[in-house]
Amino acid sequence: MHITLFHKTNSRSQRILWLLEELNLDYELIHCDDPIPTQGFDKLPNLNSTLKFPTVQICDEHSTEVISLTETAAIADYLSHQCNSLGMAQLSSSEMLHYYFWKNFAEATLMPDLALKQIFAQIVLRTPFPVRFISKFLKFGFDQGYLNDALQQHLFRINAHLKDHIYLAGNHFSIADVLLWFPLLACTQASTKFAELLHIQRYLQKIQSRPAFQRALEKGQWSATVFQTYWSQAW
């Protein structure tokens, strides 16, 4: 299986890079600017220049078909299934419930609310100065009316869960941990209130100390300073 990952620095594609390292898969890493460049990849089918990061292309050695996949959770599920690793195989029935919940919570609940926080911040930054007060007022209203409380509830719930669990599913590291890492780190980097949640901080230190994670940071050209600056401006 030959895998090509189209990657953008400090984006959500970092999670797939980390997963590839955890699964010890051979892959080609292509650093890109948005949108994904098509020049030089004309022979690769199914590559759409409008696709978002991450995008992977997978070629089975026993077939000429090339599979293109986007959406971080879909890619993670597919690779985990193909390798029979970091998924459900090693989990107990109770751990499976946690696995399913937190894997979907990361992409369906926490990430959308976090993205909204950033979207409103970007609207304010891009609004012409004479009328910027209008977008600031809208952001303030949405923050106070929904987002701030929602994100606080999400982070407190995660922190409470991690009080009694080593990993999200229980005793086993899984793709649920890979998926939740990005939005969880963004929240703790952006808000001092969230940075003080001890169980989350212990958890982040544990998963970020994994050798595969460290290799992925280096290969993905991760910048902690850029990441923190970008998400801090959303608050």
Protein backbone atom coordinates (compact mmCIF):
# COMPACT_ATOMS: atom_id res chain seq x y z
CA MET A 1 0.00 0.00 0.00
CA HIS A 2 1.53 3.29 -1.16
CA ILE A 3 0.25 6.38 0.64
CA THR A 4 0.68 10.02 -0.28
CA LEU A 5 -0.29 12.66 2.27
CA PHE A 6 -0.86 16.23 1.13
CA HIS A 7 -0.09 18.24 4.23
CA LYS A 8 -0.35 21.85 5.35
CA THR A 9 1.79 22.95 8.28
CA ASN A 10 -0.06 23.51 11.56
CA SER A 11 -3.33 22.28 10.08
CA ARG A 12 -5.53 19.35 11.00
CA SER A 13 -3.55 17.18 8.60
CA GLN A 14 -0.92 16.97 11.35
CA ARG A 15 -3.13 14.34 12.97
CA ILE A 16 -2.94 12.07 9.92
CA LEU A 17 0.81 12.50 9.77
CA TRP A 18 0.95 11.45 13.42
CA LEU A 19 -1.32 8.46 12.71
CA LEU A 20 0.90 7.30 9.84
CA GLU A 21 3.85 7.35 12.21
CA GLU A 22 1.91 5.45 14.89
CA LEU A 23 0.93 2.79 12.36
CA ASN A 24 4.51 2.62 11.08
CA LEU A 25 3.35 2.93 7.48
CA ASP A 26 5.47 3.90 4.52
CA TYR A 27 4.22 7.13 2.98
CA GLU A 28 5.19 10.10 0.86
CA LEU A 29 4.69 13.50 2.48
CA ILE A 30 3.99 16.50 0.26
CA HIS A 31 4.00 19.92 1.90
CA CYS A 32 1.47 22.19 0.23
CA ASP A 33 0.03 25.64 0.31
CA ASP A 34 -3.73 25.96 0.02
CA PRO A 35 -5.17 24.92 -2.41
CA ILE A 36 -3.55 21.59 -3.19
CA PRO A 37 -1.34 22.00 -6.27
CA THR A 38 -2.10 19.78 -9.25
CA GLN A 39 1.01 20.59 -11.24
CA GLY A 40 3.32 17.61 -11.27
CA PHE A 41 0.57 15.23 -10.18
CA ASP A 42 -1.30 15.00 -13.47
CA LYS A 43 -0.92 11.23 -13.55
CA LEU A 44 -2.59 10.82 -10.20
CA PRO A 45 -6.34 10.28 -10.72
CA ASN A 46 -9.07 11.66 -8.49
CA LEU A 47 -7.04 14.65 -7.30
CA ASN A 48 -9.30 17.67 -7.00
CA SER A 49 -7.61 21.05 -6.54
CA THR A 50 -10.47 22.20 -4.31
CA LEU A 51 -9.92 19.47 -1.72
CA LYS A 52 -9.04 20.50 1.80
CA PHE A 53 -6.29 19.30 4.08
CA PRO A 54 -5.69 16.54 4.82
CA THR A 55 -5.94 14.65 1.55
CA VAL A 56 -4.45 11.21 1.13
CA GLN A 57 -4.05 9.09 -1.96
CA ILE A 58 -3.73 5.37 -1.46
CA CYS A 59 -2.57 2.92 -4.12
CA ASP A 60 -2.92 -0.78 -3.42
CA GLU A 61 0.06 -2.75 -4.66
CA HIS A 62 -2.31 -5.41 -6.00
CA SER A 63 -4.44 -2.93 -7.96
CA THR A 64 -4.05 0.01 -10.32
CA GLU A 65 -6.85 1.90 -8.58
CA VAL A 66 -5.90 5.03 -6.66
CA ILE A 67 -8.16 6.00 -3.76
CA SER A 68 -8.44 9.64 -2.74
CA LEU A 69 -9.70 10.42 0.74
CA THR A 70 -10.39 13.63 2.61
CA GLU A 71 -11.91 14.25 6.06
CA THR A 72 -9.59 13.45 8.94
CA ALA A 73 -11.94 11.03 10.68
CA ALA A 74 -12.61 9.09 7.49
CA ILE A 75 -8.90 8.77 6.77
CA ALA A 76 -8.18 7.71 10.34
CA ASP A 77 -10.94 5.08 10.28
CA TYR A 78 -9.77 3.68 6.95
CA LEU A 79 -6.10 3.41 7.89
CA SER A 80 -6.92 1.97 11.32
CA HIS A 81 -9.15 -0.64 9.71
CA GLN A 82 -6.57 -1.54 7.07
CA CYS A 83 -3.87 -2.01 9.70
CA ASN A 84 -6.18 -3.51 12.35
CA SER A 85 -4.57 -1.18 14.86
CA LEU A 86 -5.57 1.73 17.12
CA GLY A 87 -9.22 0.89 16.59
CA MET A 88 -11.68 -1.42 18.30
CA ALA A 89 -9.77 -4.71 18.13
CA GLN A 90 -8.01 -4.32 21.49
CA LEU A 91 -10.91 -2.69 23.34
CA SER A 92 -13.32 -4.15 25.87
CA SER A 93 -17.05 -3.59 25.44
CA SER A 94 -17.06 -0.66 27.89
CA GLU A 95 -14.00 0.85 26.22
CA MET A 96 -15.72 0.58 22.84
CA LEU A 97 -18.49 2.86 24.07
CA HIS A 98 -15.94 5.51 25.08
CA TYR A 99 -14.09 5.00 21.81
CA TYR A 100 -17.14 5.59 19.64
CA PHE A 101 -18.30 8.58 21.68
CA TRP A 102 -15.02 10.49 21.88
CA LYS A 103 -13.98 9.71 18.31
CA ASN A 104 -17.15 11.35 17.06
CA PHE A 105 -17.22 14.04 19.74
CA ALA A 106 -13.89 15.40 18.47
CA GLU A 107 -15.12 16.08 14.93
CA ALA A 108 -18.87 16.52 15.41
CA THR A 109 -18.97 18.62 18.59
CA LEU A 110 -15.70 20.18 19.72
CA MET A 111 -14.11 21.00 16.37
CA PRO A 112 -17.17 22.76 14.87
CA ASP A 113 -17.57 25.03 17.91
CA LEU A 114 -13.85 25.78 17.92
CA ALA A 115 -13.97 26.56 14.20
CA LEU A 116 -16.87 28.97 14.78
CA LYS A 117 -14.76 30.77 17.35
CA GLN A 118 -12.02 31.27 14.76
CA ILE A 119 -14.44 32.20 11.97
CA PHE A 120 -15.93 35.07 13.98
CA ALA A 121 -12.43 36.27 14.90
CA GLN A 122 -11.39 36.26 11.24
CA ILE A 123 -14.53 38.19 10.26
CA VAL A 124 -13.60 40.89 12.76
CA LEU A 125 -10.02 41.08 11.47
CA ARG A 126 -11.15 41.37 7.85
CA THR A 127 -13.91 43.91 8.41
CA PRO A 128 -12.95 47.46 7.32
CA PHE A 129 -12.02 49.54 10.34
CA PRO A 130 -14.88 52.12 10.06
CA VAL A 131 -17.50 49.39 10.48
CA ARG A 132 -15.47 46.87 12.47
CA PHE A 133 -17.48 47.63 15.61
CA ILE A 134 -20.43 45.86 13.97
CA SER A 135 -18.57 42.56 13.51
CA LYS A 136 -17.08 42.91 16.99
CA PHE A 137 -20.57 43.29 18.40
CA LEU A 138 -21.76 40.20 16.53
CA LYS A 139 -18.79 38.17 17.75
CA PHE A 140 -19.32 39.31 21.33
CA GLY A 141 -22.99 38.39 21.19
CA PHE A 142 -22.36 34.93 19.78
CA ASP A 143 -19.50 34.29 22.22
CA GLN A 144 -21.54 35.31 25.22
CA GLY A 145 -24.77 33.73 24.02
CA TYR A 146 -23.39 30.33 23.03
CA LEU A 147 -19.75 29.64 22.20
CA ASN A 148 -17.98 30.46 25.45
CA ASP A 149 -20.34 28.36 27.57
CA ALA A 150 -20.40 25.52 25.04
CA LEU A 151 -16.61 25.26 24.84
CA GLN A 152 -16.31 25.45 28.62
CA GLN A 153 -18.80 22.59 29.00
CA HIS A 154 -16.88 20.53 26.42
CA LEU A 155 -13.53 21.03 28.13
CA PHE A 156 -14.89 20.39 31.63
CA ARG A 157 -16.49 17.18 30.38
CA ILE A 158 -13.21 16.00 28.83
CA ASN A 159 -11.30 16.89 31.99
CA ALA A 160 -13.77 14.96 34.16
CA HIS A 161 -13.49 11.90 31.91
CA LEU A 162 -9.70 11.96 31.94
CA LYS A 163 -9.68 12.03 35.74
CA ASP A 164 -10.40 8.29 35.70
CA HIS A 165 -9.03 7.27 32.29
CA ILE A 166 -5.49 7.14 30.93
CA TYR A 167 -6.71 7.54 27.35
CA LEU A 168 -10.09 8.47 25.95
CA ALA A 169 -11.17 4.87 25.41
CA GLY A 170 -9.67 3.70 28.69
CA ASN A 171 -6.35 1.90 28.97
CA HIS A 172 -5.58 1.81 25.26
CA PHE A 173 -4.38 4.56 22.95
CA SER A 174 -6.62 4.81 19.87
CA ILE A 175 -7.51 7.04 16.95
CA ALA A 176 -9.96 8.81 19.27
CA ASP A 177 -6.90 10.29 21.00
CA VAL A 178 -5.38 11.31 17.66
CA LEU A 179 -8.57 13.05 16.55
CA LEU A 180 -9.24 14.93 19.78
CA TRP A 181 -5.67 16.15 20.21
CA PHE A 182 -5.86 19.06 17.73
CA PRO A 183 -8.98 20.88 19.01
CA LEU A 184 -8.10 20.08 22.62
CA LEU A 185 -4.63 21.59 22.26
CA ALA A 186 -6.07 24.64 20.49
CA CYS A 187 -8.44 25.31 23.39
CA THR A 188 -5.78 24.94 26.07
CA GLN A 189 -3.34 27.10 24.10
CA ALA A 190 -5.90 29.85 23.61
CA SER A 191 -7.50 30.10 27.05
CA THR A 192 -5.74 30.29 30.42
CA LYS A 193 -8.90 28.90 32.01
CA PHE A 194 -8.58 25.70 29.98
CA ALA A 195 -4.80 25.54 30.47
CA GLU A 196 -5.45 25.10 34.20
CA LEU A 197 -7.43 21.87 33.77
CA LEU A 198 -4.99 19.42 35.33
CA HIS A 199 -6.28 16.13 33.93
CA ILE A 200 -6.24 17.49 30.39
CA GLN A 201 -2.71 18.81 30.86
CA ARG A 202 -1.53 15.43 32.17
CA TYR A 203 -3.19 13.72 29.22
CA LEU A 204 -1.68 16.05 26.64
CA GLN A 205 1.79 15.60 28.10
CA LYS A 206 1.39 11.83 27.92
CA ILE A 207 0.23 11.57 24.32
CA GLN A 208 2.64 14.26 23.12
CA SER A 209 5.57 12.34 24.59
CA ARG A 210 4.94 9.39 22.28
CA PRO A 211 7.86 8.81 19.86
CA ALA A 212 5.54 8.75 16.85
CA PHE A 213 4.09 12.12 17.85
CA GLN A 214 7.56 13.66 18.12
CA ARG A 215 8.58 12.29 14.73
CA ALA A 216 5.40 13.69 13.19
CA LEU A 217 6.06 17.15 14.63
CA GLU A 218 9.47 17.24 13.01
CA LYS A 219 8.34 15.90 9.65
CA GLY A 220 5.27 18.13 9.57
CA GLN A 221 7.33 21.26 10.39
CA TRP A 222 5.04 22.04 13.30
CA SER A 223 5.35 25.48 14.90
CA ALA A 224 3.98 25.69 18.45
CA THR A 225 4.33 29.48 18.41
CA VAL A 226 2.35 29.93 15.19
CA PHE A 227 -0.33 27.52 16.39
CA GLN A 228 -0.79 29.29 19.73
CA THR A 229 -0.86 32.73 18.11
CA TYR A 230 -3.46 31.68 15.57
CA TRP A 231 -5.88 30.19 18.08
CA SER A 232 -5.32 32.77 20.81
CA GLN A 233 -6.69 35.50 18.57
CA ALA A 234 -10.03 33.68 18.48
CA TRP A 235 -10.65 34.44 22.16
